[in-house]
Amino acid sequence: MHSNIKLAGQKLRGKIRRIDKGRVLYTAFLIPTALAMTPLQAHAAGETIWSKASEIMQDVYTQILGISTIAAIVTASIALLLMNFSKSGRTVDESRAWLKRIIITWAILNGLGFIMAYVTPFFSGGTWTPS
C-alpha cells in the first residue's frame, strides 16, 4: 500500500513538471481580468446615455467657465496694471488690445453657457416648446 502511494506521488510530480507554467500564469492573469470586464448591474437604470452625456458636458463646461473666469481676471488685471503704470505708448496700446480680447472671449464663453442653459430647453424634442 505504501508503494502505491509513493507511485501515485511520483506520477503526480511528473504531471506537475509537464505543466506549462507560462500558460498557468496567463490563465491566472486572464481570469481576474475577464471577471473585472463582466458587466455589473446598472445603478442608473432610469438614465439614458444622452442624459448622462449632457450631465457630463454641463459639468465640464462649468469647470471650463470657472477656470476661464479666473484666468480672465488675472490677465485683465495684469493688462490694466500695464496700462496704468507704463510709460511707453506702445505697451499701453498692446495692453488695451489684450484687454479687449480678454473681455470678448470671456463674454463669448458666458454667452454659450446662456444659450445652453436657457435657450436649448425650448427646443426639447426637436420642436419649439414655449413655456
Protein backbone atom coordinates (compact mmCIF):
# COMPACT_ATOMS: atom_id res chain seq x y z
CA MET A 1 0.00 0.00 0.00
CA HIS A 2 2.83 2.33 0.84
CA SER A 3 4.41 1.67 -2.57
CA ASN A 4 1.12 2.54 -4.32
CA ILE A 5 1.02 5.93 -2.58
CA LYS A 6 4.68 6.50 -3.49
CA LEU A 7 3.97 5.57 -7.13
CA ALA A 8 0.93 7.88 -7.26
CA GLY A 9 3.03 10.70 -5.81
CA GLN A 10 5.72 10.18 -8.45
CA LYS A 11 3.09 10.24 -11.24
CA LEU A 12 1.61 13.44 -9.82
CA ARG A 13 5.04 15.09 -9.62
CA GLY A 14 5.71 14.07 -13.24
CA LYS A 15 2.45 15.64 -14.38
CA ILE A 16 3.20 18.82 -12.44
CA ARG A 17 6.61 19.08 -14.13
CA ARG A 18 5.00 18.79 -17.57
CA ILE A 19 2.51 21.63 -16.96
CA ASP A 20 3.32 24.74 -18.98
CA LYS A 21 3.99 27.37 -16.32
CA GLY A 22 3.52 30.23 -18.79
CA ARG A 23 0.02 29.00 -19.58
CA VAL A 24 -0.79 28.76 -15.88
CA LEU A 25 0.42 32.33 -15.28
CA TYR A 26 -1.52 33.57 -18.31
CA THR A 27 -4.68 31.87 -17.08
CA ALA A 28 -4.14 33.28 -13.59
CA PHE A 29 -3.93 36.74 -15.17
CA LEU A 30 -6.79 36.19 -17.62
CA ILE A 31 -9.46 35.01 -15.18
CA PRO A 32 -9.46 38.08 -12.86
CA THR A 33 -9.20 40.37 -15.87
CA ALA A 34 -12.18 38.74 -17.56
CA LEU A 35 -14.17 38.90 -14.33
CA ALA A 36 -13.41 42.59 -13.99
CA MET A 37 -14.71 43.18 -17.52
CA THR A 38 -18.05 41.45 -16.99
CA PRO A 39 -20.93 43.91 -16.85
CA LEU A 40 -22.34 44.68 -13.47
CA GLN A 41 -25.86 45.75 -12.67
CA ALA A 42 -26.51 49.31 -13.84
CA HIS A 43 -27.15 51.56 -10.88
CA ALA A 44 -28.54 54.37 -13.06
CA ALA A 45 -31.26 52.43 -14.84
CA GLY A 46 -33.55 55.43 -15.35
CA GLU A 47 -30.96 57.46 -17.23
CA THR A 48 -30.16 57.24 -20.90
CA ILE A 49 -26.72 57.65 -22.38
CA TRP A 50 -27.75 61.06 -23.72
CA SER A 51 -28.88 62.40 -20.36
CA LYS A 52 -25.63 61.20 -18.78
CA ALA A 53 -23.60 62.76 -21.63
CA SER A 54 -25.49 66.02 -21.19
CA GLU A 55 -24.76 65.98 -17.46
CA ILE A 56 -21.07 65.35 -18.09
CA MET A 57 -20.87 68.12 -20.70
CA GLN A 58 -22.54 70.59 -18.33
CA ASP A 59 -20.07 69.66 -15.61
CA VAL A 60 -17.10 70.05 -17.97
CA TYR A 61 -18.45 73.38 -19.22
CA THR A 62 -18.89 74.62 -15.65
CA GLN A 63 -15.29 73.69 -14.85
CA ILE A 64 -14.00 75.41 -18.02
CA LEU A 65 -16.04 78.52 -17.26
CA GLY A 66 -14.67 78.69 -13.72
CA ILE A 67 -11.08 78.33 -14.89
CA SER A 68 -11.55 80.83 -17.73
CA THR A 69 -13.10 83.37 -15.36
CA ILE A 70 -10.13 83.17 -13.01
CA ALA A 71 -7.70 83.38 -15.95
CA ALA A 72 -9.60 86.36 -17.39
CA ILE A 73 -9.48 88.21 -14.08
CA VAL A 74 -5.75 87.61 -13.64
CA THR A 75 -4.79 88.54 -17.20
CA ALA A 76 -7.13 91.55 -17.26
CA SER A 77 -5.63 92.84 -14.02
CA ILE A 78 -2.13 92.48 -15.48
CA ALA A 79 -3.25 94.33 -18.63
CA LEU A 80 -4.80 97.10 -16.52
CA LEU A 81 -1.66 97.40 -14.41
CA LEU A 82 0.47 97.66 -17.54
CA MET A 83 -1.91 100.26 -18.99
CA ASN A 84 -1.84 102.42 -15.87
CA PHE A 85 1.80 102.21 -14.89
CA SER A 86 3.57 102.01 -18.24
CA LYS A 87 5.42 104.99 -19.67
CA SER A 88 5.53 103.53 -23.18
CA GLY A 89 2.63 104.29 -25.50
CA ARG A 90 3.16 101.03 -27.35
CA THR A 91 2.75 98.99 -24.15
CA VAL A 92 -0.46 100.89 -23.31
CA ASP A 93 -1.89 100.20 -26.78
CA GLU A 94 -0.99 96.49 -26.61
CA SER A 95 -2.46 96.22 -23.11
CA ARG A 96 -5.69 97.85 -24.28
CA ALA A 97 -5.88 95.41 -27.24
CA TRP A 98 -5.30 92.43 -24.93
CA LEU A 99 -7.94 93.71 -22.52
CA LYS A 100 -10.48 93.88 -25.38
CA ARG A 101 -9.62 90.32 -26.47
CA ILE A 102 -9.97 89.02 -22.92
CA ILE A 103 -13.38 90.65 -22.43
CA ILE A 104 -14.70 89.44 -25.81
CA THR A 105 -13.52 85.86 -25.21
CA TRP A 106 -14.99 85.76 -21.71
CA ALA A 107 -18.31 87.18 -23.00
CA ILE A 108 -18.46 84.51 -25.75
CA LEU A 109 -17.86 81.71 -23.23
CA ASN A 110 -20.60 83.07 -20.96
CA GLY A 111 -22.90 83.51 -23.95
CA LEU A 112 -22.51 79.84 -24.82
CA GLY A 113 -23.49 78.97 -21.26
CA PHE A 114 -26.53 81.22 -21.52
CA ILE A 115 -27.61 79.51 -24.74
CA MET A 116 -27.12 76.04 -23.26
CA ALA A 117 -28.91 76.84 -20.01
CA TYR A 118 -31.84 78.97 -21.13
CA VAL A 119 -32.45 78.56 -24.87
CA THR A 120 -31.96 74.83 -25.57
CA PRO A 121 -34.78 73.70 -23.20
CA PHE A 122 -37.21 75.49 -25.56
CA PHE A 123 -36.20 73.08 -28.32
CA SER A 124 -36.65 69.83 -26.39
CA GLY A 125 -37.73 67.00 -28.68
CA GLY A 126 -36.69 68.92 -31.81
CA THR A 127 -39.65 71.33 -31.71
CA TRP A 128 -40.23 74.77 -30.28
CA THR A 129 -41.99 74.48 -26.92
CA PRO A 130 -42.51 77.90 -25.34
CA SER A 131 -43.23 77.93 -21.64
